Amino acid sequence: LSDGFHGEWIQVDGRATVVSLPEAMEP
């Protein structure tokens, strides 16, 4: 959602992965 909440918005669909530490530190 936009900062104004009632403004523009977008929905993104996809596949997620969980990157754990220590690999997650730089991301």
mmCIF file of all heavy atoms, coordinates in Angstrom:
data_MODEL
# 
_entry.id   MODEL 
# 
loop_
_atom_site.group_PDB 
_atom_site.id 
_atom_site.type_symbol 
_atom_site.label_atom_id 
_atom_site.label_alt_id 
_atom_site.label_comp_id 
_atom_site.label_asym_id 
_atom_site.label_entity_id 
_atom_site.label_seq_id 
_atom_site.pdbx_PDB_ins_code 
_atom_site.Cartn_x 
_atom_site.Cartn_y 
_atom_site.Cartn_z 
_atom_site.occupancy 
_atom_site.B_iso_or_equiv 
_atom_site.pdbx_formal_charge 
_atom_site.auth_seq_id 
_atom_site.auth_comp_id 
_atom_site.auth_asym_id 
_atom_site.auth_atom_id 
_atom_site.pdbx_PDB_model_num 
ATOM 1   N N   . LEU A 1 1  ? 0.838  -1.194  0.000  1.00 0.00 ? 1  LEU A N   1 
ATOM 2   C CA  . LEU A 1 1  ? 0.000  0.000   0.000  1.00 0.00 ? 1  LEU A CA  1 
ATOM 3   C C   . LEU A 1 1  ? 0.872  1.243   0.000  1.00 0.00 ? 1  LEU A C   1 
ATOM 4   O O   . LEU A 1 1  ? 1.979  1.236   0.523  1.00 0.00 ? 1  LEU A O   1 
ATOM 5   C CB  . LEU A 1 1  ? -0.899 0.013   1.241  1.00 0.00 ? 1  LEU A CB  1 
ATOM 6   C CG  . LEU A 1 1  ? -1.767 -1.222  1.458  1.00 0.00 ? 1  LEU A CG  1 
ATOM 7   C CD1 . LEU A 1 1  ? -2.449 -1.133  2.809  1.00 0.00 ? 1  LEU A CD1 1 
ATOM 8   C CD2 . LEU A 1 1  ? -2.783 -1.363  0.341  1.00 0.00 ? 1  LEU A CD2 1 
ATOM 9   N N   . SER A 1 2  ? 0.323  2.328   -0.527 1.00 0.00 ? 2  SER A N   1 
ATOM 10  C CA  . SER A 1 2  ? 1.038  3.600   -0.482 1.00 0.00 ? 2  SER A CA  1 
ATOM 11  C C   . SER A 1 2  ? 1.013  4.140   0.947  1.00 0.00 ? 2  SER A C   1 
ATOM 12  O O   . SER A 1 2  ? 0.244  3.669   1.796  1.00 0.00 ? 2  SER A O   1 
ATOM 13  C CB  . SER A 1 2  ? 0.391  4.606   -1.433 1.00 0.00 ? 2  SER A CB  1 
ATOM 14  O OG  . SER A 1 2  ? -0.901 4.944   -0.973 1.00 0.00 ? 2  SER A OG  1 
ATOM 15  N N   . ASP A 1 3  ? 1.841  5.130   1.217  1.00 0.00 ? 3  ASP A N   1 
ATOM 16  C CA  . ASP A 1 3  ? 1.880  5.729   2.547  1.00 0.00 ? 3  ASP A CA  1 
ATOM 17  C C   . ASP A 1 3  ? 0.531  6.292   2.959  1.00 0.00 ? 3  ASP A C   1 
ATOM 18  O O   . ASP A 1 3  ? 0.191  6.314   4.136  1.00 0.00 ? 3  ASP A O   1 
ATOM 19  C CB  . ASP A 1 3  ? 2.942  6.832   2.616  1.00 0.00 ? 3  ASP A CB  1 
ATOM 20  C CG  . ASP A 1 3  ? 4.353  6.275   2.601  1.00 0.00 ? 3  ASP A CG  1 
ATOM 21  O OD1 . ASP A 1 3  ? 4.533  5.092   2.945  1.00 0.00 ? 3  ASP A OD1 1 
ATOM 22  O OD2 . ASP A 1 3  ? 5.269  7.027   2.247  1.00 0.00 ? 3  ASP A OD2 1 
ATOM 23  N N   . GLY A 1 4  ? -0.256 6.754   2.007  1.00 0.00 ? 4  GLY A N   1 
ATOM 24  C CA  . GLY A 1 4  ? -1.566 7.320   2.294  1.00 0.00 ? 4  GLY A CA  1 
ATOM 25  C C   . GLY A 1 4  ? -2.649 6.281   2.515  1.00 0.00 ? 4  GLY A C   1 
ATOM 26  O O   . GLY A 1 4  ? -3.785 6.616   2.794  1.00 0.00 ? 4  GLY A O   1 
ATOM 27  N N   . PHE A 1 5  ? -2.331 5.002   2.386  1.00 0.00 ? 5  PHE A N   1 
ATOM 28  C CA  . PHE A 1 5  ? -3.210 3.861   2.576  1.00 0.00 ? 5  PHE A CA  1 
ATOM 29  C C   . PHE A 1 5  ? -4.327 3.800   1.548  1.00 0.00 ? 5  PHE A C   1 
ATOM 30  O O   . PHE A 1 5  ? -4.553 2.770   0.950  1.00 0.00 ? 5  PHE A O   1 
ATOM 31  C CB  . PHE A 1 5  ? -3.783 3.816   4.003  1.00 0.00 ? 5  PHE A CB  1 
ATOM 32  C CG  . PHE A 1 5  ? -4.555 2.542   4.279  1.00 0.00 ? 5  PHE A CG  1 
ATOM 33  C CD1 . PHE A 1 5  ? -3.889 1.364   4.510  1.00 0.00 ? 5  PHE A CD1 1 
ATOM 34  C CD2 . PHE A 1 5  ? -5.934 2.529   4.273  1.00 0.00 ? 5  PHE A CD2 1 
ATOM 35  C CE1 . PHE A 1 5  ? -4.588 0.182   4.744  1.00 0.00 ? 5  PHE A CE1 1 
ATOM 36  C CE2 . PHE A 1 5  ? -6.635 1.356   4.525  1.00 0.00 ? 5  PHE A CE2 1 
ATOM 37  C CZ  . PHE A 1 5  ? -5.961 0.186   4.752  1.00 0.00 ? 5  PHE A CZ  1 
ATOM 38  N N   . HIS A 1 6  ? -5.025 4.895   1.293  1.00 0.00 ? 6  HIS A N   1 
ATOM 39  C CA  . HIS A 1 6  ? -6.134 4.871   0.340  1.00 0.00 ? 6  HIS A CA  1 
ATOM 40  C C   . HIS A 1 6  ? -5.683 5.222   -1.071 1.00 0.00 ? 6  HIS A C   1 
ATOM 41  O O   . HIS A 1 6  ? -6.497 5.464   -1.941 1.00 0.00 ? 6  HIS A O   1 
ATOM 42  C CB  . HIS A 1 6  ? -7.253 5.820   0.788  1.00 0.00 ? 6  HIS A CB  1 
ATOM 43  C CG  . HIS A 1 6  ? -7.936 5.354   2.024  1.00 0.00 ? 6  HIS A CG  1 
ATOM 44  N ND1 . HIS A 1 6  ? -8.750 4.251   2.055  1.00 0.00 ? 6  HIS A ND1 1 
ATOM 45  C CD2 . HIS A 1 6  ? -7.898 5.815   3.293  1.00 0.00 ? 6  HIS A CD2 1 
ATOM 46  C CE1 . HIS A 1 6  ? -9.203 4.067   3.281  1.00 0.00 ? 6  HIS A CE1 1 
ATOM 47  N NE2 . HIS A 1 6  ? -8.693 5.014   4.061  1.00 0.00 ? 6  HIS A NE2 1 
ATOM 48  N N   . GLY A 1 7  ? -4.391 5.237   -1.324 1.00 0.00 ? 7  GLY A N   1 
ATOM 49  C CA  . GLY A 1 7  ? -3.857 5.587   -2.633 1.00 0.00 ? 7  GLY A CA  1 
ATOM 50  C C   . GLY A 1 7  ? -3.579 4.357   -3.480 1.00 0.00 ? 7  GLY A C   1 
ATOM 51  O O   . GLY A 1 7  ? -4.262 3.341   -3.399 1.00 0.00 ? 7  GLY A O   1 
ATOM 52  N N   . GLU A 1 8  ? -2.541 4.459   -4.279 1.00 0.00 ? 8  GLU A N   1 
ATOM 53  C CA  . GLU A 1 8  ? -2.174 3.370   -5.167 1.00 0.00 ? 8  GLU A CA  1 
ATOM 54  C C   . GLU A 1 8  ? -1.684 2.160   -4.362 1.00 0.00 ? 8  GLU A C   1 
ATOM 55  O O   . GLU A 1 8  ? -1.220 2.289   -3.243 1.00 0.00 ? 8  GLU A O   1 
ATOM 56  C CB  . GLU A 1 8  ? -1.077 3.837   -6.121 1.00 0.00 ? 8  GLU A CB  1 
ATOM 57  C CG  . GLU A 1 8  ? -1.544 4.936   -7.061 1.00 0.00 ? 8  GLU A CG  1 
ATOM 58  C CD  . GLU A 1 8  ? -0.463 5.364   -8.024 1.00 0.00 ? 8  GLU A CD  1 
ATOM 59  O OE1 . GLU A 1 8  ? 0.502  4.590   -8.233 1.00 0.00 ? 8  GLU A OE1 1 
ATOM 60  O OE2 . GLU A 1 8  ? -0.579 6.457   -8.560 1.00 0.00 ? 8  GLU A OE2 1 
ATOM 61  N N   . TRP A 1 9  ? -1.805 0.983   -4.976 1.00 0.00 ? 9  TRP A N   1 
ATOM 62  C CA  . TRP A 1 9  ? -1.376 -0.244  -4.334 1.00 0.00 ? 9  TRP A CA  1 
ATOM 63  C C   . TRP A 1 9  ? -1.019 -1.258  -5.416 1.00 0.00 ? 9  TRP A C   1 
ATOM 64  O O   . TRP A 1 9  ? -1.354 -1.076  -6.585 1.00 0.00 ? 9  TRP A O   1 
ATOM 65  C CB  . TRP A 1 9  ? -2.463 -0.805  -3.420 1.00 0.00 ? 9  TRP A CB  1 
ATOM 66  C CG  . TRP A 1 9  ? -3.728 -1.157  -4.164 1.00 0.00 ? 9  TRP A CG  1 
ATOM 67  C CD1 . TRP A 1 9  ? -4.732 -0.305  -4.518 1.00 0.00 ? 9  TRP A CD1 1 
ATOM 68  C CD2 . TRP A 1 9  ? -4.088 -2.433  -4.668 1.00 0.00 ? 9  TRP A CD2 1 
ATOM 69  N NE1 . TRP A 1 9  ? -5.698 -0.971  -5.204 1.00 0.00 ? 9  TRP A NE1 1 
ATOM 70  C CE2 . TRP A 1 9  ? -5.335 -2.300  -5.319 1.00 0.00 ? 9  TRP A CE2 1 
ATOM 71  C CE3 . TRP A 1 9  ? -3.495 -3.685  -4.645 1.00 0.00 ? 9  TRP A CE3 1 
ATOM 72  C CZ2 . TRP A 1 9  ? -5.989 -3.359  -5.938 1.00 0.00 ? 9  TRP A CZ2 1 
ATOM 73  C CZ3 . TRP A 1 9  ? -4.153 -4.746  -5.260 1.00 0.00 ? 9  TRP A CZ3 1 
ATOM 74  C CH2 . TRP A 1 9  ? -5.389 -4.579  -5.893 1.00 0.00 ? 9  TRP A CH2 1 
ATOM 75  N N   . ILE A 1 10 ? -0.350 -2.315  -5.009 1.00 0.00 ? 10 ILE A N   1 
ATOM 76  C CA  . ILE A 1 10 ? -0.036 -3.413  -5.921 1.00 0.00 ? 10 ILE A CA  1 
ATOM 77  C C   . ILE A 1 10 ? 0.011  -4.707  -5.115 1.00 0.00 ? 10 ILE A C   1 
ATOM 78  O O   . ILE A 1 10 ? 0.395  -4.708  -3.945 1.00 0.00 ? 10 ILE A O   1 
ATOM 79  C CB  . ILE A 1 10 ? 1.293  -3.177  -6.671 1.00 0.00 ? 10 ILE A CB  1 
ATOM 80  C CG1 . ILE A 1 10 ? 1.479  -4.221  -7.763 1.00 0.00 ? 10 ILE A CG1 1 
ATOM 81  C CG2 . ILE A 1 10 ? 2.467  -3.163  -5.706 1.00 0.00 ? 10 ILE A CG2 1 
ATOM 82  C CD1 . ILE A 1 10 ? 2.586  -3.888  -8.748 1.00 0.00 ? 10 ILE A CD1 1 
ATOM 83  N N   . GLN A 1 11 ? -0.405 -5.781  -5.747 1.00 0.00 ? 11 GLN A N   1 
ATOM 84  C CA  . GLN A 1 11 ? -0.277 -7.108  -5.148 1.00 0.00 ? 11 GLN A CA  1 
ATOM 85  C C   . GLN A 1 11 ? 0.754  -7.878  -5.940 1.00 0.00 ? 11 GLN A C   1 
ATOM 86  O O   . GLN A 1 11 ? 0.725  -7.901  -7.171 1.00 0.00 ? 11 GLN A O   1 
ATOM 87  C CB  . GLN A 1 11 ? -1.603 -7.871  -5.172 1.00 0.00 ? 11 GLN A CB  1 
ATOM 88  C CG  . GLN A 1 11 ? -1.455 -9.277  -4.589 1.00 0.00 ? 11 GLN A CG  1 
ATOM 89  C CD  . GLN A 1 11 ? -2.759 -10.013 -4.480 1.00 0.00 ? 11 GLN A CD  1 
ATOM 90  O OE1 . GLN A 1 11 ? -3.746 -9.443  -4.023 1.00 0.00 ? 11 GLN A OE1 1 
ATOM 91  N NE2 . GLN A 1 11 ? -2.774 -11.267 -4.885 1.00 0.00 ? 11 GLN A NE2 1 
ATOM 92  N N   . VAL A 1 12 ? 1.678  -8.499  -5.226 1.00 0.00 ? 12 VAL A N   1 
ATOM 93  C CA  . VAL A 1 12 ? 2.732  -9.295  -5.826 1.00 0.00 ? 12 VAL A CA  1 
ATOM 94  C C   . VAL A 1 12 ? 2.531  -10.734 -5.383 1.00 0.00 ? 12 VAL A C   1 
ATOM 95  O O   . VAL A 1 12 ? 2.367  -11.007 -4.199 1.00 0.00 ? 12 VAL A O   1 
ATOM 96  C CB  . VAL A 1 12 ? 4.117  -8.776  -5.370 1.00 0.00 ? 12 VAL A CB  1 
ATOM 97  C CG1 . VAL A 1 12 ? 5.219  -9.684  -5.867 1.00 0.00 ? 12 VAL A CG1 1 
ATOM 98  C CG2 . VAL A 1 12 ? 4.333  -7.350  -5.831 1.00 0.00 ? 12 VAL A CG2 1 
ATOM 99  N N   . ASP A 1 13 ? 2.522  -11.652 -6.338 1.00 0.00 ? 13 ASP A N   1 
ATOM 100 C CA  . ASP A 1 13 ? 2.414  -13.077 -6.046 1.00 0.00 ? 13 ASP A CA  1 
ATOM 101 C C   . ASP A 1 13 ? 3.717  -13.749 -6.467 1.00 0.00 ? 13 ASP A C   1 
ATOM 102 O O   . ASP A 1 13 ? 4.320  -13.374 -7.481 1.00 0.00 ? 13 ASP A O   1 
ATOM 103 C CB  . ASP A 1 13 ? 1.264  -13.705 -6.828 1.00 0.00 ? 13 ASP A CB  1 
ATOM 104 C CG  . ASP A 1 13 ? -0.077 -13.058 -6.523 1.00 0.00 ? 13 ASP A CG  1 
ATOM 105 O OD1 . ASP A 1 13 ? -0.372 -12.867 -5.333 1.00 0.00 ? 13 ASP A OD1 1 
ATOM 106 O OD2 . ASP A 1 13 ? -0.808 -12.748 -7.482 1.00 0.00 ? 13 ASP A OD2 1 
ATOM 107 N N   . GLY A 1 14 ? 4.143  -14.720 -5.679 1.00 0.00 ? 14 GLY A N   1 
ATOM 108 C CA  . GLY A 1 14 ? 5.367  -15.431 -6.030 1.00 0.00 ? 14 GLY A CA  1 
ATOM 109 C C   . GLY A 1 14 ? 5.701  -16.516 -5.039 1.00 0.00 ? 14 GLY A C   1 
ATOM 110 O O   . GLY A 1 14 ? 4.862  -16.918 -4.234 1.00 0.00 ? 14 GLY A O   1 
ATOM 111 N N   . ARG A 1 15 ? 6.932  -16.961 -5.117 1.00 0.00 ? 15 ARG A N   1 
ATOM 112 C CA  . ARG A 1 15 ? 7.439  -17.991 -4.215 1.00 0.00 ? 15 ARG A CA  1 
ATOM 113 C C   . ARG A 1 15 ? 8.518  -17.378 -3.341 1.00 0.00 ? 15 ARG A C   1 
ATOM 114 O O   . ARG A 1 15 ? 9.413  -16.697 -3.834 1.00 0.00 ? 15 ARG A O   1 
ATOM 115 C CB  . ARG A 1 15 ? 7.982  -19.173 -4.994 1.00 0.00 ? 15 ARG A CB  1 
ATOM 116 C CG  . ARG A 1 15 ? 6.885  -19.863 -5.775 1.00 0.00 ? 15 ARG A CG  1 
ATOM 117 C CD  . ARG A 1 15 ? 7.263  -21.260 -6.179 1.00 0.00 ? 15 ARG A CD  1 
ATOM 118 N NE  . ARG A 1 15 ? 6.127  -21.897 -6.804 1.00 0.00 ? 15 ARG A NE  1 
ATOM 119 C CZ  . ARG A 1 15 ? 5.243  -22.664 -6.162 1.00 0.00 ? 15 ARG A CZ  1 
ATOM 120 N NH1 . ARG A 1 15 ? 5.395  -22.896 -4.888 1.00 0.00 ? 15 ARG A NH1 1 
ATOM 121 N NH2 . ARG A 1 15 ? 4.229  -23.205 -6.800 1.00 0.00 ? 15 ARG A NH2 1 
ATOM 122 N N   . ALA A 1 16 ? 8.409  -17.657 -2.053 1.00 0.00 ? 16 ALA A N   1 
ATOM 123 C CA  . ALA A 1 16 ? 9.325  -17.060 -1.077 1.00 0.00 ? 16 ALA A CA  1 
ATOM 124 C C   . ALA A 1 16 ? 10.282 -18.110 -0.542 1.00 0.00 ? 16 ALA A C   1 
ATOM 125 O O   . ALA A 1 16 ? 9.960  -19.302 -0.477 1.00 0.00 ? 16 ALA A O   1 
ATOM 126 C CB  . ALA A 1 16 ? 8.538  -16.447 0.069  1.00 0.00 ? 16 ALA A CB  1 
ATOM 127 N N   . THR A 1 17 ? 11.446 -17.632 -0.153 1.00 0.00 ? 17 THR A N   1 
ATOM 128 C CA  . THR A 1 17 ? 12.410 -18.464 0.557  1.00 0.00 ? 17 THR A CA  1 
ATOM 129 C C   . THR A 1 17 ? 12.817 -17.727 1.823  1.00 0.00 ? 17 THR A C   1 
ATOM 130 O O   . THR A 1 17 ? 12.789 -16.496 1.873  1.00 0.00 ? 17 THR A O   1 
ATOM 131 C CB  . THR A 1 17 ? 13.669 -18.761 -0.284 1.00 0.00 ? 17 THR A CB  1 
ATOM 132 O OG1 . THR A 1 17 ? 14.243 -17.533 -0.705 1.00 0.00 ? 17 THR A OG1 1 
ATOM 133 C CG2 . THR A 1 17 ? 13.346 -19.608 -1.493 1.00 0.00 ? 17 THR A CG2 1 
ATOM 134 N N   . VAL A 1 18 ? 13.181 -18.493 2.824  1.00 0.00 ? 18 VAL A N   1 
ATOM 135 C CA  . VAL A 1 18 ? 13.685 -17.938 4.080  1.00 0.00 ? 18 VAL A CA  1 
ATOM 136 C C   . VAL A 1 18 ? 15.203 -18.080 4.053  1.00 0.00 ? 18 VAL A C   1 
ATOM 137 O O   . VAL A 1 18 ? 15.731 -19.176 3.909  1.00 0.00 ? 18 VAL A O   1 
ATOM 138 C CB  . VAL A 1 18 ? 13.107 -18.692 5.302  1.00 0.00 ? 18 VAL A CB  1 
ATOM 139 C CG1 . VAL A 1 18 ? 13.657 -18.118 6.594  1.00 0.00 ? 18 VAL A CG1 1 
ATOM 140 C CG2 . VAL A 1 18 ? 11.590 -18.666 5.283  1.00 0.00 ? 18 VAL A CG2 1 
ATOM 141 N N   . VAL A 1 19 ? 15.893 -16.951 4.156  1.00 0.00 ? 19 VAL A N   1 
ATOM 142 C CA  . VAL A 1 19 ? 17.357 -16.949 4.202  1.00 0.00 ? 19 VAL A CA  1 
ATOM 143 C C   . VAL A 1 19 ? 17.752 -16.696 5.651  1.00 0.00 ? 19 VAL A C   1 
ATOM 144 O O   . VAL A 1 19 ? 17.505 -15.622 6.193  1.00 0.00 ? 19 VAL A O   1 
ATOM 145 C CB  . VAL A 1 19 ? 17.950 -15.863 3.270  1.00 0.00 ? 19 VAL A CB  1 
ATOM 146 C CG1 . VAL A 1 19 ? 19.476 -15.921 3.313  1.00 0.00 ? 19 VAL A CG1 1 
ATOM 147 C CG2 . VAL A 1 19 ? 17.425 -16.021 1.854  1.00 0.00 ? 19 VAL A CG2 1 
ATOM 148 N N   . SER A 1 20 ? 18.341 -17.698 6.280  1.00 0.00 ? 20 SER A N   1 
ATOM 149 C CA  . SER A 1 20 ? 18.715 -17.628 7.694  1.00 0.00 ? 20 SER A CA  1 
ATOM 150 C C   . SER A 1 20 ? 20.158 -17.168 7.846  1.00 0.00 ? 20 SER A C   1 
ATOM 151 O O   . SER A 1 20 ? 20.941 -17.201 6.899  1.00 0.00 ? 20 SER A O   1 
ATOM 152 C CB  . SER A 1 20 ? 18.552 -18.995 8.351  1.00 0.00 ? 20 SER A CB  1 
ATOM 153 O OG  . SER A 1 20 ? 17.204 -19.418 8.288  1.00 0.00 ? 20 SER A OG  1 
ATOM 154 N N   . LEU A 1 21 ? 20.495 -16.776 9.065  1.00 0.00 ? 21 LEU A N   1 
ATOM 155 C CA  . LEU A 1 21 ? 21.878 -16.434 9.385  1.00 0.00 ? 21 LEU A CA  1 
ATOM 156 C C   . LEU A 1 21 ? 22.737 -17.696 9.331  1.00 0.00 ? 21 LEU A C   1 
ATOM 157 O O   . LEU A 1 21 ? 22.229 -18.777 9.608  1.00 0.00 ? 21 LEU A O   1 
ATOM 158 C CB  . LEU A 1 21 ? 21.955 -15.805 10.779 1.00 0.00 ? 21 LEU A CB  1 
ATOM 159 C CG  . LEU A 1 21 ? 21.315 -14.427 10.893 1.00 0.00 ? 21 LEU A CG  1 
ATOM 160 C CD1 . LEU A 1 21 ? 21.208 -14.016 12.349 1.00 0.00 ? 21 LEU A CD1 1 
ATOM 161 C CD2 . LEU A 1 21 ? 22.093 -13.395 10.095 1.00 0.00 ? 21 LEU A CD2 1 
ATOM 162 N N   . PRO A 1 22 ? 23.970 -17.624 8.945  1.00 0.00 ? 22 PRO A N   1 
ATOM 163 C CA  . PRO A 1 22 ? 24.754 -16.432 8.670  1.00 0.00 ? 22 PRO A CA  1 
ATOM 164 C C   . PRO A 1 22 ? 24.580 -15.877 7.247  1.00 0.00 ? 22 PRO A C   1 
ATOM 165 O O   . PRO A 1 22 ? 24.979 -14.758 6.973  1.00 0.00 ? 22 PRO A O   1 
ATOM 166 C CB  . PRO A 1 22 ? 26.200 -16.888 8.901  1.00 0.00 ? 22 PRO A CB  1 
ATOM 167 C CG  . PRO A 1 22 ? 26.189 -18.331 8.529  1.00 0.00 ? 22 PRO A CG  1 
ATOM 168 C CD  . PRO A 1 22 ? 24.820 -18.838 8.953  1.00 0.00 ? 22 PRO A CD  1 
ATOM 169 N N   . GLU A 1 23 ? 23.973 -16.668 6.339  1.00 0.00 ? 23 GLU A N   1 
ATOM 170 C CA  . GLU A 1 23 ? 23.819 -16.223 4.953  1.00 0.00 ? 23 GLU A CA  1 
ATOM 171 C C   . GLU A 1 23 ? 22.978 -14.954 4.831  1.00 0.00 ? 23 GLU A C   1 
ATOM 172 O O   . GLU A 1 23 ? 23.120 -14.190 3.882  1.00 0.00 ? 23 GLU A O   1 
ATOM 173 C CB  . GLU A 1 23 ? 23.195 -17.325 4.086  1.00 0.00 ? 23 GLU A CB  1 
ATOM 174 C CG  . GLU A 1 23 ? 24.081 -18.533 3.887  1.00 0.00 ? 23 GLU A CG  1 
ATOM 175 C CD  . GLU A 1 23 ? 24.020 -19.506 5.063  1.00 0.00 ? 23 GLU A CD  1 
ATOM 176 O OE1 . GLU A 1 23 ? 23.103 -19.394 5.917  1.00 0.00 ? 23 GLU A OE1 1 
ATOM 177 O OE2 . GLU A 1 23 ? 24.917 -20.357 5.142  1.00 0.00 ? 23 GLU A OE2 1 
ATOM 178 N N   . ALA A 1 24 ? 22.103 -14.707 5.795  1.00 0.00 ? 24 ALA A N   1 
ATOM 179 C CA  . ALA A 1 24 ? 21.205 -13.557 5.728  1.00 0.00 ? 24 ALA A CA  1 
ATOM 180 C C   . ALA A 1 24 ? 21.866 -12.243 6.120  1.00 0.00 ? 24 ALA A C   1 
ATOM 181 O O   . ALA A 1 24 ? 21.292 -11.177 5.882  1.00 0.00 ? 24 ALA A O   1 
ATOM 182 C CB  . ALA A 1 24 ? 19.990 -13.789 6.630  1.00 0.00 ? 24 ALA A CB  1 
ATOM 183 N N   . MET A 1 25 ? 23.067 -12.268 6.704  1.00 0.00 ? 25 MET A N   1 
ATOM 184 C CA  . MET A 1 25 ? 23.628 -11.035 7.263  1.00 0.00 ? 25 MET A CA  1 
ATOM 185 C C   . MET A 1 25 ? 23.797 -9.929  6.224  1.00 0.00 ? 25 MET A C   1 
ATOM 186 O O   . MET A 1 25 ? 23.340 -8.801  6.438  1.00 0.00 ? 25 MET A O   1 
ATOM 187 C CB  . MET A 1 25 ? 24.950 -11.302 7.973  1.00 0.00 ? 25 MET A CB  1 
ATOM 188 C CG  . MET A 1 25 ? 25.464 -10.083 8.726  1.00 0.00 ? 25 MET A CG  1 
ATOM 189 S SD  . MET A 1 25 ? 24.300 -9.448  9.983  1.00 0.00 ? 25 MET A SD  1 
ATOM 190 C CE  . MET A 1 25 ? 24.505 -10.692 11.264 1.00 0.00 ? 25 MET A CE  1 
ATOM 191 N N   . GLU A 1 26 ? 24.454 -10.201 5.122  1.00 0.00 ? 26 GLU A N   1 
ATOM 192 C CA  . GLU A 1 26 ? 24.649 -9.135  4.128  1.00 0.00 ? 26 GLU A CA  1 
ATOM 193 C C   . GLU A 1 26 ? 23.331 -8.709  3.483  1.00 0.00 ? 26 GLU A C   1 
ATOM 194 O O   . GLU A 1 26 ? 23.112 -7.514  3.286  1.00 0.00 ? 26 GLU A O   1 
ATOM 195 C CB  . GLU A 1 26 ? 25.710 -9.516  3.108  1.00 0.00 ? 26 GLU A CB  1 
ATOM 196 C CG  . GLU A 1 26 ? 27.113 -9.523  3.702  1.00 0.00 ? 26 GLU A CG  1 
ATOM 197 C CD  . GLU A 1 26 ? 27.439 -8.279  4.532  1.00 0.00 ? 26 GLU A CD  1 
ATOM 198 O OE1 . GLU A 1 26 ? 27.299 -7.146  4.026  1.00 0.00 ? 26 GLU A OE1 1 
ATOM 199 O OE2 . GLU A 1 26 ? 27.836 -8.423  5.709  1.00 0.00 ? 26 GLU A OE2 1 
ATOM 200 N N   . PRO A 1 27 ? 22.406 -9.626  3.183  1.00 0.00 ? 27 PRO A N   1 
ATOM 201 C CA  . PRO A 1 27 ? 21.095 -9.171  2.726  1.00 0.00 ? 27 PRO A CA  1 
ATOM 202 C C   . PRO A 1 27 ? 20.356 -8.323  3.766  1.00 0.00 ? 27 PRO A C   1 
ATOM 203 O O   . PRO A 1 27 ? 19.635 -7.385  3.402  1.00 0.00 ? 27 PRO A O   1 
ATOM 204 C CB  . PRO A 1 27 ? 20.343 -10.470 2.424  1.00 0.00 ? 27 PRO A CB  1 
ATOM 205 C CG  . PRO A 1 27 ? 21.413 -11.450 2.075  1.00 0.00 ? 27 PRO A CG  1 
ATOM 206 C CD  . PRO A 1 27 ? 22.571 -11.079 2.965  1.00 0.00 ? 27 PRO A CD  1 
# 
